[in-house]
């Protein structure tokens, strides 16, 4: 059954009146290999909804469309990544160890160290299709960030690279 959400009340005006951030896209080389990685390693639900693509999701209305473009998949920067939250720091460490153990089986290319960053504990890794993923334990409720509002004035220019550490 499809859940219909009412558009949220806003305190500002915008051109578009979205109900939710519904989806994003990523590219893959081979649908079958990528699907195996998404289902077996990441634990995502996957359905092939079109000839060149499939949809991925995890317990929310938001989904990702993986579009197969073959071997011409470009390399991605680590700051362009998809995040998965886990329940504990121990689960991050377990996922990190499993990523190393299963690197060959799932075509995982790079695995960064697990670190504390931006108040969360986690690590980044690059999958078989050059996409980056972050596995993190974020102890704070995400809604709290939005409820609190900006903590840095928008007139402050961000000049540091914000490059994640290895």
C-alpha atoms as a PDB file:
ATOM      1  CA  UNK A   1       0.000   0.000   0.000  1.00  0.00           C
ATOM      2  CA  UNK A   2       1.412   3.380  -0.987  1.00  0.00           C
ATOM      3  CA  UNK A   3       1.537   5.970   1.757  1.00  0.00           C
ATOM      4  CA  UNK A   4       0.484   9.460   0.668  1.00  0.00           C
ATOM      5  CA  UNK A   5       2.169  12.237   2.598  1.00  0.00           C
ATOM      6  CA  UNK A   6       0.817  15.736   2.923  1.00  0.00           C
ATOM      7  CA  UNK A   7       3.185  18.495   1.879  1.00  0.00           C
ATOM      8  CA  UNK A   8       4.957  19.829   4.978  1.00  0.00           C
ATOM      9  CA  UNK A   9       4.191  23.260   6.320  1.00  0.00           C
ATOM     10  CA  UNK A  10       7.063  25.601   5.564  1.00  0.00           C
ATOM     11  CA  UNK A  11       8.243  28.817   7.132  1.00  0.00           C
ATOM     12  CA  UNK A  12       9.665  30.053   3.816  1.00  0.00           C
ATOM     13  CA  UNK A  13       8.521  30.108   0.224  1.00  0.00           C
ATOM     14  CA  UNK A  14      10.021  28.192  -2.655  1.00  0.00           C
ATOM     15  CA  UNK A  15       9.267  27.634  -6.307  1.00  0.00           C
ATOM     16  CA  UNK A  16       8.855  23.869  -5.847  1.00  0.00           C
ATOM     17  CA  UNK A  17       6.617  22.551  -3.053  1.00  0.00           C
ATOM     18  CA  UNK A  18       8.067  19.050  -2.538  1.00  0.00           C
ATOM     19  CA  UNK A  19       6.469  16.437  -0.285  1.00  0.00           C
ATOM     20  CA  UNK A  20       9.722  14.527   0.333  1.00  0.00           C
ATOM     21  CA  UNK A  21      13.193  13.972  -1.057  1.00  0.00           C
ATOM     22  CA  UNK A  22      12.259  10.862  -2.990  1.00  0.00           C
ATOM     23  CA  UNK A  23      15.272   9.471  -4.809  1.00  0.00           C
ATOM     24  CA  UNK A  24      18.744   9.801  -6.257  1.00  0.00           C
ATOM     25  CA  UNK A  25      20.672   7.948  -8.910  1.00  0.00           C
ATOM     26  CA  UNK A  26      23.990   6.187  -9.207  1.00  0.00           C
ATOM     27  CA  UNK A  27      25.673   4.368 -12.060  1.00  0.00           C
ATOM     28  CA  UNK A  28      26.727   0.751 -12.297  1.00  0.00           C
ATOM     29  CA  UNK A  29      28.638  -1.445 -14.742  1.00  0.00           C
ATOM     30  CA  UNK A  30      26.681  -4.684 -14.410  1.00  0.00           C
ATOM     31  CA  UNK A  31      23.202  -5.009 -12.903  1.00  0.00           C
ATOM     32  CA  UNK A  32      23.627  -8.582 -11.648  1.00  0.00           C
ATOM     33  CA  UNK A  33      26.942  -7.992  -9.846  1.00  0.00           C
ATOM     34  CA  UNK A  34      25.766  -4.685  -8.416  1.00  0.00           C
ATOM     35  CA  UNK A  35      22.494  -6.208  -7.246  1.00  0.00           C
ATOM     36  CA  UNK A  36      24.363  -8.972  -5.420  1.00  0.00           C
ATOM     37  CA  UNK A  37      26.480  -6.317  -3.639  1.00  0.00           C
ATOM     38  CA  UNK A  38      23.449  -4.180  -2.713  1.00  0.00           C
ATOM     39  CA  UNK A  39      21.448  -7.132  -1.372  1.00  0.00           C
ATOM     40  CA  UNK A  40      24.102  -9.369   0.187  1.00  0.00           C
ATOM     41  CA  UNK A  41      26.623  -6.826   1.462  1.00  0.00           C
ATOM     42  CA  UNK A  42      24.574  -3.659   2.097  1.00  0.00           C
ATOM     43  CA  UNK A  43      21.298  -5.389   3.007  1.00  0.00           C
ATOM     44  CA  UNK A  44      19.176  -3.249   0.689  1.00  0.00           C
ATOM     45  CA  UNK A  45      15.921  -4.248  -0.970  1.00  0.00           C
ATOM     46  CA  UNK A  46      16.329  -4.265  -4.762  1.00  0.00           C
ATOM     47  CA  UNK A  47      13.812  -4.481  -7.595  1.00  0.00           C
ATOM     48  CA  UNK A  48      14.515  -4.255 -11.310  1.00  0.00           C
ATOM     49  CA  UNK A  49      11.907  -1.821 -12.547  1.00  0.00           C
ATOM     50  CA  UNK A  50      13.287  -1.034 -16.019  1.00  0.00           C
ATOM     51  CA  UNK A  51      15.542  -2.657 -18.606  1.00  0.00           C
ATOM     52  CA  UNK A  52      18.644  -0.515 -17.853  1.00  0.00           C
ATOM     53  CA  UNK A  53      18.009   0.103 -14.149  1.00  0.00           C
ATOM     54  CA  UNK A  54      16.926  -1.117 -10.730  1.00  0.00           C
ATOM     55  CA  UNK A  55      15.688   0.557  -7.558  1.00  0.00           C
ATOM     56  CA  UNK A  56      17.267   0.216  -4.098  1.00  0.00           C
ATOM     57  CA  UNK A  57      15.755   1.127  -0.762  1.00  0.00           C
ATOM     58  CA  UNK A  58      15.906   0.512   2.965  1.00  0.00           C
ATOM     59  CA  UNK A  59      12.836   0.987   5.166  1.00  0.00           C
ATOM     60  CA  UNK A  60      11.978   4.479   3.935  1.00  0.00           C
ATOM     61  CA  UNK A  61      10.129   6.182   1.112  1.00  0.00           C
ATOM     62  CA  UNK A  62      13.467   7.330  -0.312  1.00  0.00           C
ATOM     63  CA  UNK A  63      15.051   5.145  -2.964  1.00  0.00           C
ATOM     64  CA  UNK A  64      18.059   5.081  -5.278  1.00  0.00           C
ATOM     65  CA  UNK A  65      17.974   4.156  -8.958  1.00  0.00           C
ATOM     66  CA  UNK A  66      21.050   2.266 -10.184  1.00  0.00           C
ATOM     67  CA  UNK A  67      21.424   2.832 -13.925  1.00  0.00           C
ATOM     68  CA  UNK A  68      23.623   0.431 -15.876  1.00  0.00           C
ATOM     69  CA  UNK A  69      25.931   2.224 -18.313  1.00  0.00           C
ATOM     70  CA  UNK A  70      28.566  -0.480 -18.722  1.00  0.00           C
ATOM     71  CA  UNK A  71      32.311  -0.038 -18.307  1.00  0.00           C
ATOM     72  CA  UNK A  72      32.263   3.743 -18.842  1.00  0.00           C
ATOM     73  CA  UNK A  73      31.286   4.419 -15.209  1.00  0.00           C
ATOM     74  CA  UNK A  74      33.307   7.465 -14.099  1.00  0.00           C
ATOM     75  CA  UNK A  75      35.345   7.579 -10.925  1.00  0.00           C
ATOM     76  CA  UNK A  76      33.582   9.328  -8.032  1.00  0.00           C
ATOM     77  CA  UNK A  77      34.938  11.560  -5.293  1.00  0.00           C
ATOM     78  CA  UNK A  78      34.524  10.296  -1.717  1.00  0.00           C
ATOM     79  CA  UNK A  79      32.460  13.382  -0.843  1.00  0.00           C
ATOM     80  CA  UNK A  80      29.864  12.134  -3.336  1.00  0.00           C
ATOM     81  CA  UNK A  81      28.692   9.168  -1.289  1.00  0.00           C
ATOM     82  CA  UNK A  82      25.659   7.323   0.031  1.00  0.00           C
ATOM     83  CA  UNK A  83      25.327   6.873   3.795  1.00  0.00           C
ATOM     84  CA  UNK A  84      23.978   3.980   5.810  1.00  0.00           C
ATOM     85  CA  UNK A  85      23.491   4.383   9.562  1.00  0.00           C
ATOM     86  CA  UNK A  86      24.009   1.448  11.911  1.00  0.00           C
ATOM     87  CA  UNK A  87      22.979   1.090  15.557  1.00  0.00           C
ATOM     88  CA  UNK A  88      26.358   1.104  17.330  1.00  0.00           C
ATOM     89  CA  UNK A  89      30.069   1.845  16.996  1.00  0.00           C
ATOM     90  CA  UNK A  90      30.643  -1.909  17.321  1.00  0.00           C
ATOM     91  CA  UNK A  91      28.456  -2.439  14.239  1.00  0.00           C
ATOM     92  CA  UNK A  92      30.629   0.071  12.326  1.00  0.00           C
ATOM     93  CA  UNK A  93      33.728  -1.882  13.352  1.00  0.00           C
ATOM     94  CA  UNK A  94      32.089  -5.174  12.349  1.00  0.00           C
ATOM     95  CA  UNK A  95      31.079  -3.731   8.954  1.00  0.00           C
ATOM     96  CA  UNK A  96      34.614  -2.387   8.471  1.00  0.00           C
ATOM     97  CA  UNK A  97      36.118  -5.816   9.191  1.00  0.00           C
ATOM     98  CA  UNK A  98      33.603  -7.502   6.869  1.00  0.00           C
ATOM     99  CA  UNK A  99      34.362  -5.009   4.088  1.00  0.00           C
ATOM    100  CA  UNK A 100      38.029  -6.001   4.313  1.00  0.00           C
ATOM    101  CA  UNK A 101      37.226  -9.712   4.535  1.00  0.00           C
ATOM    102  CA  UNK A 102      34.778  -9.661   1.599  1.00  0.00           C
ATOM    103  CA  UNK A 103      36.584  -7.079  -0.544  1.00  0.00           C
ATOM    104  CA  UNK A 104      37.362  -9.555  -3.339  1.00  0.00           C
ATOM    105  CA  UNK A 105      33.952 -11.224  -3.339  1.00  0.00           C
ATOM    106  CA  UNK A 106      32.061  -7.942  -3.839  1.00  0.00           C
ATOM    107  CA  UNK A 107      34.652  -5.970  -5.807  1.00  0.00           C
ATOM    108  CA  UNK A 108      35.164  -3.372  -3.085  1.00  0.00           C
ATOM    109  CA  UNK A 109      38.001  -1.147  -4.272  1.00  0.00           C
ATOM    110  CA  UNK A 110      39.037   1.090  -1.375  1.00  0.00           C
ATOM    111  CA  UNK A 111      38.247   1.067   2.332  1.00  0.00           C
ATOM    112  CA  UNK A 112      39.136   4.058   4.492  1.00  0.00           C
ATOM    113  CA  UNK A 113      39.885   3.826   8.209  1.00  0.00           C
ATOM    114  CA  UNK A 114      37.002   4.047  10.667  1.00  0.00           C
ATOM    115  CA  UNK A 115      37.177   7.458  12.360  1.00  0.00           C
ATOM    116  CA  UNK A 116      35.196   9.890  14.450  1.00  0.00           C
ATOM    117  CA  UNK A 117      34.157  12.749  12.138  1.00  0.00           C
ATOM    118  CA  UNK A 118      31.419  15.360  12.253  1.00  0.00           C
ATOM    119  CA  UNK A 119      30.144  13.861  15.517  1.00  0.00           C
ATOM    120  CA  UNK A 120      29.602  10.402  14.049  1.00  0.00           C
ATOM    121  CA  UNK A 121      31.824   7.316  13.919  1.00  0.00           C
ATOM    122  CA  UNK A 122      32.198   5.594  10.580  1.00  0.00           C
ATOM    123  CA  UNK A 123      34.160   4.816   7.447  1.00  0.00           C
ATOM    124  CA  UNK A 124      33.955   5.265   3.692  1.00  0.00           C
ATOM    125  CA  UNK A 125      34.479   2.602   1.053  1.00  0.00           C
ATOM    126  CA  UNK A 126      34.336   2.518  -2.736  1.00  0.00           C
ATOM    127  CA  UNK A 127      32.251  -0.185  -4.398  1.00  0.00           C
ATOM    128  CA  UNK A 128      32.681  -2.147  -7.623  1.00  0.00           C
ATOM    129  CA  UNK A 129      31.064   0.676  -9.625  1.00  0.00           C
ATOM    130  CA  UNK A 130      33.254   3.498  -8.210  1.00  0.00           C
ATOM    131  CA  UNK A 131      30.444   4.699  -5.910  1.00  0.00           C
ATOM    132  CA  UNK A 132      31.384   5.659  -2.359  1.00  0.00           C
ATOM    133  CA  UNK A 133      29.436   4.535   0.711  1.00  0.00           C
ATOM    134  CA  UNK A 134      29.657   5.678   4.314  1.00  0.00           C
ATOM    135  CA  UNK A 135      28.792   3.285   7.123  1.00  0.00           C
ATOM    136  CA  UNK A 136      28.309   5.323  10.282  1.00  0.00           C
ATOM    137  CA  UNK A 137      26.917   5.327  13.773  1.00  0.00           C
ATOM    138  CA  UNK A 138      25.260   8.718  14.293  1.00  0.00           C
ATOM    139  CA  UNK A 139      24.082   8.896  17.912  1.00  0.00           C
ATOM    140  CA  UNK A 140      22.166  12.135  17.374  1.00  0.00           C
ATOM    141  CA  UNK A 141      18.691  12.259  15.856  1.00  0.00           C
ATOM    142  CA  UNK A 142      18.879  13.806  12.381  1.00  0.00           C
ATOM    143  CA  UNK A 143      15.652  15.748  12.995  1.00  0.00           C
ATOM    144  CA  UNK A 144      17.459  17.532  15.839  1.00  0.00           C
ATOM    145  CA  UNK A 145      19.836  19.147  13.330  1.00  0.00           C
ATOM    146  CA  UNK A 146      16.928  20.616  11.401  1.00  0.00           C
ATOM    147  CA  UNK A 147      14.973  21.545  14.534  1.00  0.00           C
ATOM    148  CA  UNK A 148      18.006  23.464  15.855  1.00  0.00           C
ATOM    149  CA  UNK A 149      18.545  25.308  12.563  1.00  0.00           C
ATOM    150  CA  UNK A 150      21.786  26.813  11.248  1.00  0.00           C
ATOM    151  CA  UNK A 151      24.699  26.846  13.677  1.00  0.00           C
ATOM    152  CA  UNK A 152      27.072  28.507  11.198  1.00  0.00           C
ATOM    153  CA  UNK A 153      26.048  31.808   9.629  1.00  0.00           C
ATOM    154  CA  UNK A 154      25.615  31.505   5.857  1.00  0.00           C
ATOM    155  CA  UNK A 155      27.833  34.570   5.365  1.00  0.00           C
ATOM    156  CA  UNK A 156      30.797  32.449   6.514  1.00  0.00           C
ATOM    157  CA  UNK A 157      32.637  31.173   3.434  1.00  0.00           C
ATOM    158  CA  UNK A 158      33.689  27.540   3.566  1.00  0.00           C
ATOM    159  CA  UNK A 159      37.263  27.550   2.287  1.00  0.00           C
ATOM    160  CA  UNK A 160      38.587  24.340   3.765  1.00  0.00           C
ATOM    161  CA  UNK A 161      38.478  21.270   1.553  1.00  0.00           C
ATOM    162  CA  UNK A 162      36.452  19.111   3.960  1.00  0.00           C
ATOM    163  CA  UNK A 163      38.413  16.173   2.554  1.00  0.00           C
ATOM    164  CA  UNK A 164      37.657  13.032   4.604  1.00  0.00           C
ATOM    165  CA  UNK A 165      40.701  11.572   6.283  1.00  0.00           C
ATOM    166  CA  UNK A 166      42.001   8.161   5.301  1.00  0.00           C
END
